[in-house]
Full PDB file with SEQRES, HELIX, SHEET, SSBOND, CRYST1, ORIGX, SCALE, CONECT and MASTER records, all heavy atoms in Angstrom:
SEQRES   1 A   30  ILE ASN GLY GLY LEU PHE ASP PHE THR THR HIS VAL HIS          
SEQRES   2 A   30  ASP GLY ILE LYS VAL ILE ASP GLY VAL LEU THR GLY THR          
SEQRES   3 A   30  VAL TYR ASN PRO                                              
SHEET    1 AA1 2 ILE A  16  ILE A  19  0                                        
SHEET    2 AA1 2 VAL A  22  GLY A  25 -1                                        
CRYST1    1.000    1.000    1.000  90.00  90.00  90.00 P 1           1          
ORIGX1      1.000000  0.000000  0.000000        0.00000                         
ORIGX2      0.000000  1.000000  0.000000        0.00000                         
ORIGX3      0.000000  0.000000  1.000000        0.00000                         
SCALE1      1.000000  0.000000  0.000000        0.00000                         
SCALE2      0.000000  1.000000  0.000000        0.00000                         
SCALE3      0.000000  0.000000  1.000000        0.00000                         
ATOM      1  N   ILE A   1       9.853  -6.634 -10.266  1.00  0.00           N  
ATOM      2  CA  ILE A   1       9.975  -7.382  -9.037  1.00  0.00           C  
ATOM      3  C   ILE A   1       8.624  -7.060  -8.249  1.00  0.00           C  
ATOM      4  O   ILE A   1       7.888  -6.072  -8.545  1.00  0.00           O  
ATOM      5  CB  ILE A   1      11.185  -7.057  -8.191  1.00  0.00           C  
ATOM      6  CG1 ILE A   1      11.121  -5.529  -7.817  1.00  0.00           C  
ATOM      7  CG2 ILE A   1      12.413  -7.397  -8.844  1.00  0.00           C  
ATOM      8  CD1 ILE A   1      12.264  -5.212  -6.747  1.00  0.00           C  
ATOM      9  N   ASN A   2       8.328  -7.908  -7.286  1.00  0.00           N  
ATOM     10  CA  ASN A   2       7.266  -7.648  -6.446  1.00  0.00           C  
ATOM     11  C   ASN A   2       7.512  -6.567  -5.469  1.00  0.00           C  
ATOM     12  O   ASN A   2       8.696  -6.147  -5.178  1.00  0.00           O  
ATOM     13  CB  ASN A   2       6.918  -8.917  -5.547  1.00  0.00           C  
ATOM     14  CG  ASN A   2       8.037  -9.248  -4.697  1.00  0.00           C  
ATOM     15  OD1 ASN A   2       9.190  -9.756  -5.137  1.00  0.00           O  
ATOM     16  ND2 ASN A   2       7.949  -9.262  -3.290  1.00  0.00           N  
ATOM     17  N   GLY A   3       6.433  -5.967  -4.916  1.00  0.00           N  
ATOM     18  CA  GLY A   3       6.625  -4.642  -4.215  1.00  0.00           C  
ATOM     19  C   GLY A   3       6.211  -4.754  -2.795  1.00  0.00           C  
ATOM     20  O   GLY A   3       6.862  -5.673  -2.069  1.00  0.00           O  
ATOM     21  N   GLY A   4       5.367  -4.012  -2.186  1.00  0.00           N  
ATOM     22  CA  GLY A   4       5.081  -4.059  -0.834  1.00  0.00           C  
ATOM     23  C   GLY A   4       4.107  -5.142  -0.282  1.00  0.00           C  
ATOM     24  O   GLY A   4       3.533  -5.907  -1.057  1.00  0.00           O  
ATOM     25  N   LEU A   5       3.956  -5.059   1.064  1.00  0.00           N  
ATOM     26  CA  LEU A   5       3.131  -6.087   1.717  1.00  0.00           C  
ATOM     27  C   LEU A   5       1.651  -5.727   1.399  1.00  0.00           C  
ATOM     28  O   LEU A   5       1.314  -4.569   0.919  1.00  0.00           O  
ATOM     29  CB  LEU A   5       3.302  -6.027   3.214  1.00  0.00           C  
ATOM     30  CG  LEU A   5       4.708  -6.521   3.789  1.00  0.00           C  
ATOM     31  CD1 LEU A   5       5.033  -5.972   5.066  1.00  0.00           C  
ATOM     32  CD2 LEU A   5       4.898  -8.003   3.582  1.00  0.00           C  
ATOM     33  N   PHE A   6       0.731  -6.631   1.641  1.00  0.00           N  
ATOM     34  CA  PHE A   6      -0.697  -6.406   1.353  1.00  0.00           C  
ATOM     35  C   PHE A   6      -1.494  -7.326   2.082  1.00  0.00           C  
ATOM     36  O   PHE A   6      -0.992  -8.325   2.787  1.00  0.00           O  
ATOM     37  CB  PHE A   6      -0.962  -6.709  -0.166  1.00  0.00           C  
ATOM     38  CG  PHE A   6      -0.488  -8.172  -0.591  1.00  0.00           C  
ATOM     39  CD1 PHE A   6      -1.305  -9.311  -0.402  1.00  0.00           C  
ATOM     40  CD2 PHE A   6       0.861  -8.362  -1.009  1.00  0.00           C  
ATOM     41  CE1 PHE A   6      -0.977 -10.491  -0.890  1.00  0.00           C  
ATOM     42  CE2 PHE A   6       1.133  -9.697  -1.385  1.00  0.00           C  
ATOM     43  CZ  PHE A   6       0.249 -10.749  -1.355  1.00  0.00           C  
ATOM     44  N   ASP A   7      -2.822  -7.010   2.247  1.00  0.00           N  
ATOM     45  CA  ASP A   7      -3.740  -7.761   3.039  1.00  0.00           C  
ATOM     46  C   ASP A   7      -4.110  -9.012   2.205  1.00  0.00           C  
ATOM     47  O   ASP A   7      -4.454  -8.958   1.022  1.00  0.00           O  
ATOM     48  CB  ASP A   7      -4.911  -7.004   3.250  1.00  0.00           C  
ATOM     49  CG  ASP A   7      -6.018  -7.721   4.031  1.00  0.00           C  
ATOM     50  OD1 ASP A   7      -6.737  -8.602   3.515  1.00  0.00           O  
ATOM     51  OD2 ASP A   7      -6.117  -7.479   5.337  1.00  0.00           O  
ATOM     52  N   PHE A   8      -3.911 -10.211   2.866  1.00  0.00           N  
ATOM     53  CA  PHE A   8      -4.081 -11.465   2.066  1.00  0.00           C  
ATOM     54  C   PHE A   8      -5.586 -11.641   1.529  1.00  0.00           C  
ATOM     55  O   PHE A   8      -5.776 -12.321   0.663  1.00  0.00           O  
ATOM     56  CB  PHE A   8      -3.731 -12.642   2.927  1.00  0.00           C  
ATOM     57  CG  PHE A   8      -2.205 -12.825   2.983  1.00  0.00           C  
ATOM     58  CD1 PHE A   8      -1.470 -12.672   4.115  1.00  0.00           C  
ATOM     59  CD2 PHE A   8      -1.612 -13.382   1.915  1.00  0.00           C  
ATOM     60  CE1 PHE A   8      -0.188 -12.917   4.155  1.00  0.00           C  
ATOM     61  CE2 PHE A   8      -0.174 -13.583   1.959  1.00  0.00           C  
ATOM     62  CZ  PHE A   8       0.562 -13.363   3.061  1.00  0.00           C  
ATOM     63  N   THR A   9      -6.459 -11.095   2.215  1.00  0.00           N  
ATOM     64  CA  THR A   9      -7.807 -11.157   1.838  1.00  0.00           C  
ATOM     65  C   THR A   9      -8.209 -10.280   0.750  1.00  0.00           C  
ATOM     66  O   THR A   9      -8.959 -10.664  -0.272  1.00  0.00           O  
ATOM     67  CB  THR A   9      -8.811 -10.980   3.088  1.00  0.00           C  
ATOM     68  OG1 THR A   9      -8.411 -11.852   4.146  1.00  0.00           O  
ATOM     69  CG2 THR A   9     -10.307 -11.126   2.593  1.00  0.00           C  
ATOM     70  N   THR A  10      -7.974  -9.005   0.915  1.00  0.00           N  
ATOM     71  CA  THR A  10      -8.337  -7.948  -0.096  1.00  0.00           C  
ATOM     72  C   THR A  10      -7.339  -7.604  -1.154  1.00  0.00           C  
ATOM     73  O   THR A  10      -7.538  -6.945  -2.132  1.00  0.00           O  
ATOM     74  CB  THR A  10      -8.656  -6.687   0.589  1.00  0.00           C  
ATOM     75  OG1 THR A  10      -7.658  -6.141   1.298  1.00  0.00           O  
ATOM     76  CG2 THR A  10      -9.787  -6.942   1.692  1.00  0.00           C  
ATOM     77  N   HIS A  11      -6.010  -8.022  -0.834  1.00  0.00           N  
ATOM     78  CA  HIS A  11      -4.857  -7.631  -1.711  1.00  0.00           C  
ATOM     79  C   HIS A  11      -4.819  -6.139  -1.743  1.00  0.00           C  
ATOM     80  O   HIS A  11      -4.258  -5.586  -2.857  1.00  0.00           O  
ATOM     81  CB  HIS A  11      -5.037  -8.250  -3.120  1.00  0.00           C  
ATOM     82  CG  HIS A  11      -4.477  -9.683  -3.104  1.00  0.00           C  
ATOM     83  ND1 HIS A  11      -5.165 -10.837  -2.616  1.00  0.00           N  
ATOM     84  CD2 HIS A  11      -3.284 -10.175  -3.383  1.00  0.00           C  
ATOM     85  CE1 HIS A  11      -4.490 -11.913  -2.792  1.00  0.00           C  
ATOM     86  NE2 HIS A  11      -3.317 -11.600  -3.234  1.00  0.00           N  
ATOM     87  N   VAL A  12      -5.085  -5.434  -0.795  1.00  0.00           N  
ATOM     88  CA  VAL A  12      -4.920  -4.039  -0.891  1.00  0.00           C  
ATOM     89  C   VAL A  12      -3.519  -3.707  -0.243  1.00  0.00           C  
ATOM     90  O   VAL A  12      -3.037  -4.418   0.798  1.00  0.00           O  
ATOM     91  CB  VAL A  12      -5.956  -3.323   0.109  1.00  0.00           C  
ATOM     92  CG1 VAL A  12      -5.576  -1.831   0.301  1.00  0.00           C  
ATOM     93  CG2 VAL A  12      -7.436  -3.418  -0.518  1.00  0.00           C  
ATOM     94  N   HIS A  13      -2.747  -2.928  -0.945  1.00  0.00           N  
ATOM     95  CA  HIS A  13      -1.449  -2.507  -0.509  1.00  0.00           C  
ATOM     96  C   HIS A  13      -1.472  -2.119   0.911  1.00  0.00           C  
ATOM     97  O   HIS A  13      -2.086  -1.340   1.378  1.00  0.00           O  
ATOM     98  CB  HIS A  13      -0.810  -1.534  -1.409  1.00  0.00           C  
ATOM     99  CG  HIS A  13       0.479  -1.000  -1.011  1.00  0.00           C  
ATOM    100  ND1 HIS A  13       1.657  -1.727  -1.111  1.00  0.00           N  
ATOM    101  CD2 HIS A  13       0.905   0.208  -0.452  1.00  0.00           C  
ATOM    102  CE1 HIS A  13       2.656  -1.106  -0.689  1.00  0.00           C  
ATOM    103  NE2 HIS A  13       2.217   0.092  -0.312  1.00  0.00           N  
ATOM    104  N   ASP A  14      -0.448  -2.520   1.711  1.00  0.00           N  
ATOM    105  CA  ASP A  14      -0.317  -2.260   3.069  1.00  0.00           C  
ATOM    106  C   ASP A  14       0.546  -1.044   3.339  1.00  0.00           C  
ATOM    107  O   ASP A  14       1.862  -1.056   3.197  1.00  0.00           O  
ATOM    108  CB  ASP A  14       0.318  -3.450   3.879  1.00  0.00           C  
ATOM    109  CG  ASP A  14       0.389  -3.225   5.394  1.00  0.00           C  
ATOM    110  OD1 ASP A  14       0.198  -1.925   5.794  1.00  0.00           O  
ATOM    111  OD2 ASP A  14       0.816  -4.057   6.164  1.00  0.00           O  
ATOM    112  N   GLY A  15       0.002   0.214   3.543  1.00  0.00           N  
ATOM    113  CA  GLY A  15       0.744   1.369   3.721  1.00  0.00           C  
ATOM    114  C   GLY A  15       0.451   2.327   2.588  1.00  0.00           C  
ATOM    115  O   GLY A  15      -0.627   2.487   2.134  1.00  0.00           O  
ATOM    116  N   ILE A  16       1.496   3.162   2.295  1.00  0.00           N  
ATOM    117  CA  ILE A  16       1.326   4.131   1.228  1.00  0.00           C  
ATOM    118  C   ILE A  16       2.013   3.809  -0.131  1.00  0.00           C  
ATOM    119  O   ILE A  16       2.952   3.080  -0.130  1.00  0.00           O  
ATOM    120  CB  ILE A  16       1.796   5.513   1.792  1.00  0.00           C  
ATOM    121  CG1 ILE A  16       3.304   5.510   2.104  1.00  0.00           C  
ATOM    122  CG2 ILE A  16       0.969   6.002   2.931  1.00  0.00           C  
ATOM    123  CD1 ILE A  16       3.791   6.849   2.506  1.00  0.00           C  
ATOM    124  N   LYS A  17       1.539   4.472  -1.094  1.00  0.00           N  
ATOM    125  CA  LYS A  17       2.199   4.321  -2.502  1.00  0.00           C  
ATOM    126  C   LYS A  17       2.007   5.547  -3.177  1.00  0.00           C  
ATOM    127  O   LYS A  17       1.013   6.276  -2.910  1.00  0.00           O  
ATOM    128  CB  LYS A  17       1.799   3.131  -3.234  1.00  0.00           C  
ATOM    129  CG  LYS A  17       0.351   3.182  -3.550  1.00  0.00           C  
ATOM    130  CD  LYS A  17      -0.103   1.792  -4.297  1.00  0.00           C  
ATOM    131  CE  LYS A  17      -1.552   1.913  -4.734  1.00  0.00           C  
ATOM    132  NZ  LYS A  17      -2.524   1.829  -3.591  1.00  0.00           N  
ATOM    133  N   VAL A  18       2.858   5.776  -4.132  1.00  0.00           N  
ATOM    134  CA  VAL A  18       2.733   6.876  -5.054  1.00  0.00           C  
ATOM    135  C   VAL A  18       2.768   6.532  -6.500  1.00  0.00           C  
ATOM    136  O   VAL A  18       3.861   5.898  -6.832  1.00  0.00           O  
ATOM    137  CB  VAL A  18       3.776   8.111  -4.735  1.00  0.00           C  
ATOM    138  CG1 VAL A  18       3.608   9.231  -5.721  1.00  0.00           C  
ATOM    139  CG2 VAL A  18       3.776   8.493  -3.322  1.00  0.00           C  
ATOM    140  N   ILE A  19       1.835   6.646  -7.259  1.00  0.00           N  
ATOM    141  CA  ILE A  19       1.902   6.321  -8.663  1.00  0.00           C  
ATOM    142  C   ILE A  19       1.492   7.447  -9.502  1.00  0.00           C  
ATOM    143  O   ILE A  19       0.478   8.084  -9.472  1.00  0.00           O  
ATOM    144  CB  ILE A  19       0.798   5.222  -8.844  1.00  0.00           C  
ATOM    145  CG1 ILE A  19       1.323   3.874  -8.113  1.00  0.00           C  
ATOM    146  CG2 ILE A  19       0.818   4.848 -10.426  1.00  0.00           C  
ATOM    147  CD1 ILE A  19       0.370   2.764  -8.271  1.00  0.00           C  
ATOM    148  N   ASP A  20       2.531   7.883 -10.256  1.00  0.00           N  
ATOM    149  CA  ASP A  20       2.456   9.117 -11.259  1.00  0.00           C  
ATOM    150  C   ASP A  20       2.056  10.292 -10.375  1.00  0.00           C  
ATOM    151  O   ASP A  20       1.267  11.135 -10.812  1.00  0.00           O  
ATOM    152  CB  ASP A  20       1.476   8.802 -12.327  1.00  0.00           C  
ATOM    153  CG  ASP A  20       1.885   9.400 -13.625  1.00  0.00           C  
ATOM    154  OD1 ASP A  20       3.104  10.151 -13.723  1.00  0.00           O  
ATOM    155  OD2 ASP A  20       1.123   9.425 -14.641  1.00  0.00           O  
ATOM    156  N   GLY A  21       2.734  10.439  -9.249  1.00  0.00           N  
ATOM    157  CA  GLY A  21       2.576  11.670  -8.466  1.00  0.00           C  
ATOM    158  C   GLY A  21       1.348  11.719  -7.642  1.00  0.00           C  
ATOM    159  O   GLY A  21       1.256  12.619  -6.659  1.00  0.00           O  
ATOM    160  N   VAL A  22       0.492  10.641  -7.535  1.00  0.00           N  
ATOM    161  CA  VAL A  22      -0.639  10.575  -6.706  1.00  0.00           C  
ATOM    162  C   VAL A  22      -0.449   9.688  -5.486  1.00  0.00           C  
ATOM    163  O   VAL A  22      -0.145   8.401  -5.715  1.00  0.00           O  
ATOM    164  CB  VAL A  22      -1.938  10.111  -7.574  1.00  0.00           C  
ATOM    165  CG1 VAL A  22      -3.151   9.973  -6.637  1.00  0.00           C  
ATOM    166  CG2 VAL A  22      -2.129  10.992  -8.696  1.00  0.00           C  
ATOM    167  N   LEU A  23      -0.528  10.102  -4.329  1.00  0.00           N  
ATOM    168  CA  LEU A  23      -0.281   9.407  -3.110  1.00  0.00           C  
ATOM    169  C   LEU A  23      -1.611   8.737  -2.629  1.00  0.00           C  
ATOM    170  O   LEU A  23      -2.697   9.483  -2.567  1.00  0.00           O  
ATOM    171  CB  LEU A  23       0.321  10.212  -2.042  1.00  0.00           C  
ATOM    172  CG  LEU A  23       0.643   9.487  -0.616  1.00  0.00           C  
ATOM    173  CD1 LEU A  23       1.847  10.103   0.015  1.00  0.00           C  
ATOM    174  CD2 LEU A  23      -0.461   9.536   0.304  1.00  0.00           C  
ATOM    175  N   THR A  24      -1.500   7.494  -2.338  1.00  0.00           N  
ATOM    176  CA  THR A  24      -2.705   6.839  -1.725  1.00  0.00           C  
ATOM    177  C   THR A  24      -2.316   6.025  -0.566  1.00  0.00           C  
ATOM    178  O   THR A  24      -1.136   5.524  -0.316  1.00  0.00           O  
ATOM    179  CB  THR A  24      -3.606   6.073  -2.735  1.00  0.00           C  
ATOM    180  OG1 THR A  24      -2.595   4.963  -3.355  1.00  0.00           O  
ATOM    181  CG2 THR A  24      -4.148   6.691  -3.875  1.00  0.00           C  
ATOM    182  N   GLY A  25      -3.260   5.738   0.370  1.00  0.00           N  
ATOM    183  CA  GLY A  25      -2.915   4.903   1.498  1.00  0.00           C  
ATOM    184  C   GLY A  25      -2.483   5.714   2.748  1.00  0.00           C  
ATOM    185  O   GLY A  25      -2.502   6.996   2.675  1.00  0.00           O  
ATOM    186  N   THR A  26      -2.114   5.028   3.816  1.00  0.00           N  
ATOM    187  CA  THR A  26      -1.793   5.760   5.139  1.00  0.00           C  
ATOM    188  C   THR A  26      -0.794   4.793   5.830  1.00  0.00           C  
ATOM    189  O   THR A  26      -0.728   3.638   5.672  1.00  0.00           O  
ATOM    190  CB  THR A  26      -3.058   5.960   6.015  1.00  0.00           C  
ATOM    191  OG1 THR A  26      -2.618   6.725   6.984  1.00  0.00           O  
ATOM    192  CG2 THR A  26      -3.651   4.664   6.438  1.00  0.00           C  
ATOM    193  N   VAL A  27       0.006   5.414   6.792  1.00  0.00           N  
ATOM    194  CA  VAL A  27       0.824   4.731   7.651  1.00  0.00           C  
ATOM    195  C   VAL A  27      -0.112   4.542   8.933  1.00  0.00           C  
ATOM    196  O   VAL A  27      -0.234   5.464   9.632  1.00  0.00           O  
ATOM    197  CB  VAL A  27       2.059   5.436   7.899  1.00  0.00           C  
ATOM    198  CG1 VAL A  27       2.923   4.674   9.001  1.00  0.00           C  
ATOM    199  CG2 VAL A  27       2.927   5.645   6.736  1.00  0.00           C  
ATOM    200  N   TYR A  28      -0.564   3.362   9.194  1.00  0.00           N  
ATOM    201  CA  TYR A  28      -1.569   3.142  10.274  1.00  0.00           C  
ATOM    202  C   TYR A  28      -0.747   2.915  11.523  1.00  0.00           C  
ATOM    203  O   TYR A  28       0.503   2.454  11.574  1.00  0.00           O  
ATOM    204  CB  TYR A  28      -2.457   2.021   9.926  1.00  0.00           C  
ATOM    205  CG  TYR A  28      -1.748   0.680   9.854  1.00  0.00           C  
ATOM    206  CD1 TYR A  28      -1.524  -0.073  10.976  1.00  0.00           C  
ATOM    207  CD2 TYR A  28      -1.297   0.207   8.677  1.00  0.00           C  
ATOM    208  CE1 TYR A  28      -0.960  -1.354  10.955  1.00  0.00           C  
ATOM    209  CE2 TYR A  28      -0.698  -1.110   8.472  1.00  0.00           C  
ATOM    210  CZ  TYR A  28      -0.457  -1.811   9.621  1.00  0.00           C  
ATOM    211  OH  TYR A  28       0.086  -3.027   9.661  1.00  0.00           O  
ATOM    212  N   ASN A  29      -1.397   2.939  12.732  1.00  0.00           N  
ATOM    213  CA  ASN A  29      -0.802   2.796  13.955  1.00  0.00           C  
ATOM    214  C   ASN A  29      -0.903   1.264  14.354  1.00  0.00           C  
ATOM    215  O   ASN A  29      -2.148   0.855  14.497  1.00  0.00           O  
ATOM    216  CB  ASN A  29      -1.384   3.587  15.092  1.00  0.00           C  
ATOM    217  CG  ASN A  29      -1.157   5.101  14.737  1.00  0.00           C  
ATOM    218  OD1 ASN A  29      -0.186   5.480  14.147  1.00  0.00           O  
ATOM    219  ND2 ASN A  29      -2.037   5.901  15.267  1.00  0.00           N  
ATOM    220  N   PRO A  30       0.204   0.489  14.408  1.00  0.00           N  
ATOM    221  CA  PRO A  30       0.070  -0.966  14.675  1.00  0.00           C  
ATOM    222  C   PRO A  30      -0.118  -1.332  16.144  1.00  0.00           C  
ATOM    223  O   PRO A  30       0.198  -0.534  17.000  1.00  0.00           O  
ATOM    224  CB  PRO A  30       1.296  -1.492  14.175  1.00  0.00           C  
ATOM    225  CG  PRO A  30       2.211  -0.546  14.359  1.00  0.00           C  
ATOM    226  CD  PRO A  30       1.390   0.888  14.100  1.00  0.00           C  
TER     227      PRO A  30                                                      
MASTER        0    0    0    0    2    0    0    6  226    1    0    3          
END                                                                             
């Protein structure tokens, strides 16, 4: 299934994710 939200221009995942134990991203202040 589809996952999290993303930036429509860059398609960068919005927020954090963990893949095989590696965390990337941040919880930004909106």
